[in-house]
Amino acid sequence: MLRCDSYLVFGVQAHHWTAGITPTMSIAHKGAVIGAKVLAASFLDLLTLPELRAAAKKQFEQDTKEIKYFALLRAPSRPSI
């Protein structure tokens, strides 16, 4: 999973006023913009390079081969409309 934690500062509690002003600093904004550009470029590569998608699919299948999927809803469940 990709994460851009530009708002996290070590040593600052999450719900403290100092944590609230951290994302408003210019360095945090620059970090968020760079992170967004990296994510956009990565997704563009995935969309335009079939060999990259194939490699990602192969890696995913290898990483999840021992994980069995099960539905959290029972089989006869229907959405209520």
PDB file of N, CA and C in Angstrom:
ATOM      1  N   MET A   1       0.845  -1.171   0.000  1.00  0.00           N
ATOM      2  CA  MET A   1       0.000   0.000   0.000  1.00  0.00           C
ATOM      3  C   MET A   1       0.894   1.239   0.000  1.00  0.00           C
ATOM      4  N   LEU A   2       0.504   2.197  -0.773  1.00  0.00           N
ATOM      5  CA  LEU A   2       1.242   3.450  -0.842  1.00  0.00           C
ATOM      6  C   LEU A   2       0.628   4.466   0.116  1.00  0.00           C
ATOM      7  N   ARG A   3       1.473   5.120   0.867  1.00  0.00           N
ATOM      8  CA  ARG A   3       0.985   6.135   1.802  1.00  0.00           C
ATOM      9  C   ARG A   3       1.820   7.395   1.675  1.00  0.00           C
ATOM     10  N   CYS A   4       1.178   8.519   1.773  1.00  0.00           N
ATOM     11  CA  CYS A   4       1.866   9.812   1.779  1.00  0.00           C
ATOM     12  C   CYS A   4       1.550  10.493   3.098  1.00  0.00           C
ATOM     13  N   ASP A   5       2.384  10.234   4.086  1.00  0.00           N
ATOM     14  CA  ASP A   5       2.123  10.761   5.421  1.00  0.00           C
ATOM     15  C   ASP A   5       2.866  12.064   5.656  1.00  0.00           C
ATOM     16  N   SER A   6       2.639  13.048   4.808  1.00  0.00           N
ATOM     17  CA  SER A   6       3.333  14.323   4.977  1.00  0.00           C
ATOM     18  C   SER A   6       2.796  15.097   6.175  1.00  0.00           C
ATOM     19  N   TYR A   7       1.646  14.696   6.689  1.00  0.00           N
ATOM     20  CA  TYR A   7       1.054  15.399   7.817  1.00  0.00           C
ATOM     21  C   TYR A   7       1.517  14.829   9.153  1.00  0.00           C
ATOM     22  N   LEU A   8       2.216  13.692   9.154  1.00  0.00           N
ATOM     23  CA  LEU A   8       2.679  13.090  10.400  1.00  0.00           C
ATOM     24  C   LEU A   8       4.040  13.652  10.784  1.00  0.00           C
ATOM     25  N   VAL A   9       4.139  14.083  12.005  1.00  0.00           N
ATOM     26  CA  VAL A   9       5.411  14.579  12.524  1.00  0.00           C
ATOM     27  C   VAL A   9       5.719  13.785  13.780  1.00  0.00           C
ATOM     28  N   PHE A  10       6.882  13.165  13.818  1.00  0.00           N
ATOM     29  CA  PHE A  10       7.249  12.363  14.969  1.00  0.00           C
ATOM     30  C   PHE A  10       7.401  13.246  16.204  1.00  0.00           C
ATOM     31  N   GLY A  11       6.833  12.777  17.302  1.00  0.00           N
ATOM     32  CA  GLY A  11       6.894  13.524  18.550  1.00  0.00           C
ATOM     33  C   GLY A  11       5.717  14.463  18.760  1.00  0.00           C
ATOM     34  N   VAL A  12       4.799  14.535  17.790  1.00  0.00           N
ATOM     35  CA  VAL A  12       3.625  15.403  17.904  1.00  0.00           C
ATOM     36  C   VAL A  12       2.393  14.515  18.006  1.00  0.00           C
ATOM     37  N   GLN A  13       1.574  14.744  19.030  1.00  0.00           N
ATOM     38  CA  GLN A  13       0.358  13.953  19.198  1.00  0.00           C
ATOM     39  C   GLN A  13      -0.659  14.318  18.122  1.00  0.00           C
ATOM     40  N   ALA A  14      -1.443  13.312  17.702  1.00  0.00           N
ATOM     41  CA  ALA A  14      -2.335  13.479  16.553  1.00  0.00           C
ATOM     42  C   ALA A  14      -3.377  14.583  16.747  1.00  0.00           C
ATOM     43  N   HIS A  15      -3.956  14.735  17.915  1.00  0.00           N
ATOM     44  CA  HIS A  15      -5.033  15.708  18.108  1.00  0.00           C
ATOM     45  C   HIS A  15      -4.576  16.944  18.883  1.00  0.00           C
ATOM     46  N   HIS A  16      -3.311  17.265  18.759  1.00  0.00           N
ATOM     47  CA  HIS A  16      -2.755  18.445  19.407  1.00  0.00           C
ATOM     48  C   HIS A  16      -2.754  19.595  18.399  1.00  0.00           C
ATOM     49  N   TRP A  17      -2.787  20.830  18.873  1.00  0.00           N
ATOM     50  CA  TRP A  17      -2.855  21.965  17.947  1.00  0.00           C
ATOM     51  C   TRP A  17      -1.659  22.011  17.006  1.00  0.00           C
ATOM     52  N   THR A  18      -0.497  21.527  17.484  1.00  0.00           N
ATOM     53  CA  THR A  18       0.682  21.540  16.619  1.00  0.00           C
ATOM     54  C   THR A  18       0.527  20.583  15.439  1.00  0.00           C
ATOM     55  N   ALA A  19      -0.228  19.507  15.627  1.00  0.00           N
ATOM     56  CA  ALA A  19      -0.493  18.589  14.517  1.00  0.00           C
ATOM     57  C   ALA A  19      -1.441  19.227  13.510  1.00  0.00           C
ATOM     58  N   GLY A  20      -2.289  20.125  13.974  1.00  0.00           N
ATOM     59  CA  GLY A  20      -3.225  20.797  13.079  1.00  0.00           C
ATOM     60  C   GLY A  20      -2.580  21.827  12.184  1.00  0.00           C
ATOM     61  N   ILE A  21      -1.504  22.447  12.646  1.00  0.00           N
ATOM     62  CA  ILE A  21      -0.855  23.460  11.814  1.00  0.00           C
ATOM     63  C   ILE A  21       0.225  22.865  10.915  1.00  0.00           C
ATOM     64  N   THR A  22       0.647  21.648  11.205  1.00  0.00           N
ATOM     65  CA  THR A  22       1.715  21.037  10.419  1.00  0.00           C
ATOM     66  C   THR A  22       1.387  20.953   8.928  1.00  0.00           C
ATOM     67  N   PRO A  23       0.168  20.501   8.525  1.00  0.00           N
ATOM     68  CA  PRO A  23      -0.112  20.415   7.088  1.00  0.00           C
ATOM     69  C   PRO A  23      -0.198  21.776   6.391  1.00  0.00           C
ATOM     70  N   THR A  24      -0.282  22.853   7.143  1.00  0.00           N
ATOM     71  CA  THR A  24      -0.394  24.168   6.519  1.00  0.00           C
ATOM     72  C   THR A  24       0.962  24.768   6.175  1.00  0.00           C
ATOM     73  N   MET A  25       2.025  24.125   6.596  1.00  0.00           N
ATOM     74  CA  MET A  25       3.364  24.637   6.305  1.00  0.00           C
ATOM     75  C   MET A  25       3.715  24.356   4.845  1.00  0.00           C
ATOM     76  N   SER A  26       4.522  25.185   4.265  1.00  0.00           N
ATOM     77  CA  SER A  26       4.850  25.052   2.839  1.00  0.00           C
ATOM     78  C   SER A  26       5.568  23.747   2.532  1.00  0.00           C
ATOM     79  N   ILE A  27       6.396  23.272   3.441  1.00  0.00           N
ATOM     80  CA  ILE A  27       7.131  22.029   3.184  1.00  0.00           C
ATOM     81  C   ILE A  27       6.167  20.839   3.123  1.00  0.00           C
ATOM     82  N   ALA A  28       5.111  20.863   3.938  1.00  0.00           N
ATOM     83  CA  ALA A  28       4.127  19.785   3.898  1.00  0.00           C
ATOM     84  C   ALA A  28       3.359  19.818   2.585  1.00  0.00           C
ATOM     85  N   HIS A  29       3.021  21.006   2.133  1.00  0.00           N
ATOM     86  CA  HIS A  29       2.311  21.133   0.857  1.00  0.00           C
ATOM     87  C   HIS A  29       3.190  20.648  -0.297  1.00  0.00           C
ATOM     88  N   LYS A  30       4.449  21.005  -0.277  1.00  0.00           N
ATOM     89  CA  LYS A  30       5.365  20.560  -1.322  1.00  0.00           C
ATOM     90  C   LYS A  30       5.499  19.038  -1.312  1.00  0.00           C
ATOM     91  N   GLY A  31       5.577  18.454  -0.122  1.00  0.00           N
ATOM     92  CA  GLY A  31       5.667  16.998  -0.010  1.00  0.00           C
ATOM     93  C   GLY A  31       4.415  16.310  -0.521  1.00  0.00           C
ATOM     94  N   ALA A  32       3.250  16.886  -0.231  1.00  0.00           N
ATOM     95  CA  ALA A  32       1.993  16.309  -0.701  1.00  0.00           C
ATOM     96  C   ALA A  32       1.895  16.394  -2.222  1.00  0.00           C
ATOM     97  N   VAL A  33       2.344  17.485  -2.800  1.00  0.00           N
ATOM     98  CA  VAL A  33       2.311  17.647  -4.260  1.00  0.00           C
ATOM     99  C   VAL A  33       3.257  16.646  -4.923  1.00  0.00           C
ATOM    100  N   ILE A  34       4.450  16.499  -4.394  1.00  0.00           N
ATOM    101  CA  ILE A  34       5.409  15.541  -4.951  1.00  0.00           C
ATOM    102  C   ILE A  34       4.857  14.116  -4.822  1.00  0.00           C
ATOM    103  N   GLY A  35       4.268  13.795  -3.670  1.00  0.00           N
ATOM    104  CA  GLY A  35       3.674  12.475  -3.487  1.00  0.00           C
ATOM    105  C   GLY A  35       2.559  12.208  -4.482  1.00  0.00           C
ATOM    106  N   ALA A  36       1.736  13.209  -4.739  1.00  0.00           N
ATOM    107  CA  ALA A  36       0.653  13.063  -5.716  1.00  0.00           C
ATOM    108  C   ALA A  36       1.207  12.852  -7.116  1.00  0.00           C
ATOM    109  N   LYS A  37       2.274  13.544  -7.461  1.00  0.00           N
ATOM    110  CA  LYS A  37       2.893  13.377  -8.778  1.00  0.00           C
ATOM    111  C   LYS A  37       3.470  11.973  -8.942  1.00  0.00           C
ATOM    112  N   VAL A  38       4.089  11.458  -7.881  1.00  0.00           N
ATOM    113  CA  VAL A  38       4.651  10.101  -7.931  1.00  0.00           C
ATOM    114  C   VAL A  38       3.539   9.073  -8.109  1.00  0.00           C
ATOM    115  N   LEU A  39       2.450   9.225  -7.351  1.00  0.00           N
ATOM    116  CA  LEU A  39       1.323   8.301  -7.497  1.00  0.00           C
ATOM    117  C   LEU A  39       0.720   8.378  -8.891  1.00  0.00           C
ATOM    118  N   ALA A  40       0.543   9.575  -9.414  1.00  0.00           N
ATOM    119  CA  ALA A  40      -0.032   9.743 -10.751  1.00  0.00           C
ATOM    120  C   ALA A  40       0.872   9.111 -11.810  1.00  0.00           C
ATOM    121  N   ALA A  41       2.162   9.310 -11.704  1.00  0.00           N
ATOM    122  CA  ALA A  41       3.096   8.719 -12.670  1.00  0.00           C
ATOM    123  C   ALA A  41       3.092   7.197 -12.578  1.00  0.00           C
ATOM    124  N   SER A  42       2.985   6.672 -11.356  1.00  0.00           N
ATOM    125  CA  SER A  42       2.945   5.221 -11.173  1.00  0.00           C
ATOM    126  C   SER A  42       1.690   4.627 -11.791  1.00  0.00           C
ATOM    127  N   PHE A  43       0.549   5.267 -11.580  1.00  0.00           N
ATOM    128  CA  PHE A  43      -0.692   4.769 -12.166  1.00  0.00           C
ATOM    129  C   PHE A  43      -0.672   4.909 -13.689  1.00  0.00           C
ATOM    130  N   LEU A  44      -0.063   5.964 -14.194  1.00  0.00           N
ATOM    131  CA  LEU A  44       0.060   6.126 -15.641  1.00  0.00           C
ATOM    132  C   LEU A  44       0.906   5.000 -16.236  1.00  0.00           C
ATOM    133  N   ASP A  45       1.986   4.652 -15.550  1.00  0.00           N
ATOM    134  CA  ASP A  45       2.811   3.520 -15.989  1.00  0.00           C
ATOM    135  C   ASP A  45       1.995   2.228 -16.007  1.00  0.00           C
ATOM    136  N   LEU A  46       1.188   2.008 -14.970  1.00  0.00           N
ATOM    137  CA  LEU A  46       0.363   0.798 -14.930  1.00  0.00           C
ATOM    138  C   LEU A  46      -0.655   0.764 -16.059  1.00  0.00           C
ATOM    139  N   LEU A  47      -1.183   1.921 -16.429  1.00  0.00           N
ATOM    140  CA  LEU A  47      -2.175   1.972 -17.495  1.00  0.00           C
ATOM    141  C   LEU A  47      -1.555   1.801 -18.880  1.00  0.00           C
ATOM    142  N   THR A  48      -0.329   2.216 -19.062  1.00  0.00           N
ATOM    143  CA  THR A  48       0.259   2.237 -20.400  1.00  0.00           C
ATOM    144  C   THR A  48       1.268   1.128 -20.664  1.00  0.00           C
ATOM    145  N   LEU A  49       1.690   0.401 -19.642  1.00  0.00           N
ATOM    146  CA  LEU A  49       2.696  -0.646 -19.834  1.00  0.00           C
ATOM    147  C   LEU A  49       2.115  -2.019 -19.494  1.00  0.00           C
ATOM    148  N   PRO A  50       1.706  -2.781 -20.499  1.00  0.00           N
ATOM    149  CA  PRO A  50       1.105  -4.094 -20.243  1.00  0.00           C
ATOM    150  C   PRO A  50       2.040  -5.048 -19.501  1.00  0.00           C
ATOM    151  N   GLU A  51       3.339  -4.969 -19.778  1.00  0.00           N
ATOM    152  CA  GLU A  51       4.272  -5.871 -19.100  1.00  0.00           C
ATOM    153  C   GLU A  51       4.367  -5.561 -17.603  1.00  0.00           C
ATOM    154  N   LEU A  52       4.190  -4.304 -17.230  1.00  0.00           N
ATOM    155  CA  LEU A  52       4.190  -3.929 -15.815  1.00  0.00           C
ATOM    156  C   LEU A  52       2.940  -4.473 -15.122  1.00  0.00           C
ATOM    157  N   ARG A  53       1.790  -4.383 -15.799  1.00  0.00           N
ATOM    158  CA  ARG A  53       0.551  -4.951 -15.247  1.00  0.00           C
ATOM    159  C   ARG A  53       0.681  -6.459 -15.084  1.00  0.00           C
ATOM    160  N   ALA A  54       1.276  -7.121 -16.065  1.00  0.00           N
ATOM    161  CA  ALA A  54       1.448  -8.576 -15.988  1.00  0.00           C
ATOM    162  C   ALA A  54       2.358  -8.948 -14.821  1.00  0.00           C
ATOM    163  N   ALA A  55       3.428  -8.192 -14.643  1.00  0.00           N
ATOM    164  CA  ALA A  55       4.341  -8.455 -13.522  1.00  0.00           C
ATOM    165  C   ALA A  55       3.651  -8.211 -12.186  1.00  0.00           C
ATOM    166  N   ALA A  56       2.832  -7.158 -12.110  1.00  0.00           N
ATOM    167  CA  ALA A  56       2.110  -6.864 -10.874  1.00  0.00           C
ATOM    168  C   ALA A  56       1.090  -7.957 -10.571  1.00  0.00           C
ATOM    169  N   LYS A  57       0.400  -8.434 -11.606  1.00  0.00           N
ATOM    170  CA  LYS A  57      -0.582  -9.507 -11.417  1.00  0.00           C
ATOM    171  C   LYS A  57       0.093 -10.790 -10.961  1.00  0.00           C
ATOM    172  N   LYS A  58       1.230 -11.107 -11.579  1.00  0.00           N
ATOM    173  CA  LYS A  58       1.984 -12.302 -11.188  1.00  0.00           C
ATOM    174  C   LYS A  58       2.442 -12.199  -9.727  1.00  0.00           C
ATOM    175  N   GLN A  59       2.940 -11.033  -9.339  1.00  0.00           N
ATOM    176  CA  GLN A  59       3.387 -10.823  -7.961  1.00  0.00           C
ATOM    177  C   GLN A  59       2.218 -10.931  -6.987  1.00  0.00           C
ATOM    178  N   PHE A  60       1.070 -10.351  -7.353  1.00  0.00           N
ATOM    179  CA  PHE A  60      -0.118 -10.419  -6.503  1.00  0.00           C
ATOM    180  C   PHE A  60      -0.562 -11.868  -6.312  1.00  0.00           C
ATOM    181  N   GLU A  61      -0.602 -12.629  -7.409  1.00  0.00           N
ATOM    182  CA  GLU A  61      -1.005 -14.034  -7.312  1.00  0.00           C
ATOM    183  C   GLU A  61      -0.034 -14.822  -6.448  1.00  0.00           C
ATOM    184  N   GLN A  62       1.242 -14.513  -6.564  1.00  0.00           N
ATOM    185  CA  GLN A  62       2.248 -15.195  -5.745  1.00  0.00           C
ATOM    186  C   GLN A  62       2.088 -14.828  -4.260  1.00  0.00           C
ATOM    187  N   ASP A  63       1.822 -13.558  -3.990  1.00  0.00           N
ATOM    188  CA  ASP A  63       1.690 -13.101  -2.604  1.00  0.00           C
ATOM    189  C   ASP A  63       0.411 -13.596  -1.937  1.00  0.00           C
ATOM    190  N   THR A  64      -0.625 -13.870  -2.725  1.00  0.00           N
ATOM    191  CA  THR A  64      -1.927 -14.236  -2.145  1.00  0.00           C
ATOM    192  C   THR A  64      -2.323 -15.680  -2.424  1.00  0.00           C
ATOM    193  N   LYS A  65      -1.388 -16.521  -2.858  1.00  0.00           N
ATOM    194  CA  LYS A  65      -1.751 -17.893  -3.217  1.00  0.00           C
ATOM    195  C   LYS A  65      -2.204 -18.718  -2.014  1.00  0.00           C
ATOM    196  N   GLU A  66      -1.783 -18.374  -0.821  1.00  0.00           N
ATOM    197  CA  GLU A  66      -2.180 -19.133   0.364  1.00  0.00           C
ATOM    198  C   GLU A  66      -3.367 -18.503   1.099  1.00  0.00           C
ATOM    199  N   ILE A  67      -3.888 -17.407   0.582  1.00  0.00           N
ATOM    200  CA  ILE A  67      -5.019 -16.733   1.220  1.00  0.00           C
ATOM    201  C   ILE A  67      -6.293 -17.172   0.518  1.00  0.00           C
ATOM    202  N   LYS A  68      -7.200 -17.748   1.303  1.00  0.00           N
ATOM    203  CA  LYS A  68      -8.459 -18.196   0.735  1.00  0.00           C
ATOM    204  C   LYS A  68      -9.515 -17.108   0.933  1.00  0.00           C
ATOM    205  N   TYR A  69     -10.201 -16.753  -0.148  1.00  0.00           N
ATOM    206  CA  TYR A  69     -11.229 -15.731  -0.087  1.00  0.00           C
ATOM    207  C   TYR A  69     -12.509 -16.322   0.486  1.00  0.00           C
ATOM    208  N   PHE A  70     -13.170 -15.563   1.339  1.00  0.00           N
ATOM    209  CA  PHE A  70     -14.498 -15.951   1.807  1.00  0.00           C
ATOM    210  C   PHE A  70     -15.347 -14.699   1.925  1.00  0.00           C
ATOM    211  N   ALA A  71     -16.604 -14.829   1.554  1.00  0.00           N
ATOM    212  CA  ALA A  71     -17.518 -13.696   1.595  1.00  0.00           C
ATOM    213  C   ALA A  71     -17.999 -13.474   3.023  1.00  0.00           C
ATOM    214  N   LEU A  72     -18.135 -12.233   3.416  1.00  0.00           N
ATOM    215  CA  LEU A  72     -18.630 -11.923   4.754  1.00  0.00           C
ATOM    216  C   LEU A  72     -20.150 -12.036   4.831  1.00  0.00           C
ATOM    217  N   LEU A  73     -20.828 -11.945   3.693  1.00  0.00           N
ATOM    218  CA  LEU A  73     -22.279 -12.099   3.653  1.00  0.00           C
ATOM    219  C   LEU A  73     -22.627 -13.549   3.324  1.00  0.00           C
ATOM    220  N   ARG A  74     -23.735 -14.013   3.843  1.00  0.00           N
ATOM    221  CA  ARG A  74     -24.193 -15.357   3.516  1.00  0.00           C
ATOM    222  C   ARG A  74     -24.649 -15.393   2.063  1.00  0.00           C
ATOM    223  N   ALA A  75     -24.627 -16.571   1.473  1.00  0.00           N
ATOM    224  CA  ALA A  75     -24.944 -16.730   0.042  1.00  0.00           C
ATOM    225  C   ALA A  75     -26.332 -16.216  -0.354  1.00  0.00           C
ATOM    226  N   PRO A  76     -27.394 -16.463   0.424  1.00  0.00           N
ATOM    227  CA  PRO A  76     -28.697 -16.001  -0.041  1.00  0.00           C
ATOM    228  C   PRO A  76     -28.980 -14.522   0.258  1.00  0.00           C
ATOM    229  N   SER A  77     -28.015 -13.784   0.723  1.00  0.00           N
ATOM    230  CA  SER A  77     -28.251 -12.397   1.087  1.00  0.00           C
ATOM    231  C   SER A  77     -28.590 -11.551  -0.135  1.00  0.00           C
ATOM    232  N   ARG A  78     -29.588 -10.702   0.011  1.00  0.00           N
ATOM    233  CA  ARG A  78     -30.010  -9.786  -1.045  1.00  0.00           C
ATOM    234  C   ARG A  78     -30.060  -8.376  -0.461  1.00  0.00           C
ATOM    235  N   PRO A  79     -29.692  -7.384  -1.239  1.00  0.00           N
ATOM    236  CA  PRO A  79     -29.777  -6.010  -0.712  1.00  0.00           C
ATOM    237  C   PRO A  79     -31.231  -5.587  -0.535  1.00  0.00           C
ATOM    238  N   SER A  80     -31.485  -4.884   0.547  1.00  0.00           N
ATOM    239  CA  SER A  80     -32.855  -4.396   0.779  1.00  0.00           C
ATOM    240  C   SER A  80     -33.017  -3.058   0.067  1.00  0.00           C
ATOM    241  N   ILE A  81     -34.019  -2.982  -0.771  1.00  0.00           N
ATOM    242  CA  ILE A  81     -34.259  -1.748  -1.533  1.00  0.00           C
ATOM    243  C   ILE A  81     -35.584  -1.155  -1.118  1.00  0.00           C
TER     244      ILE A  81
END
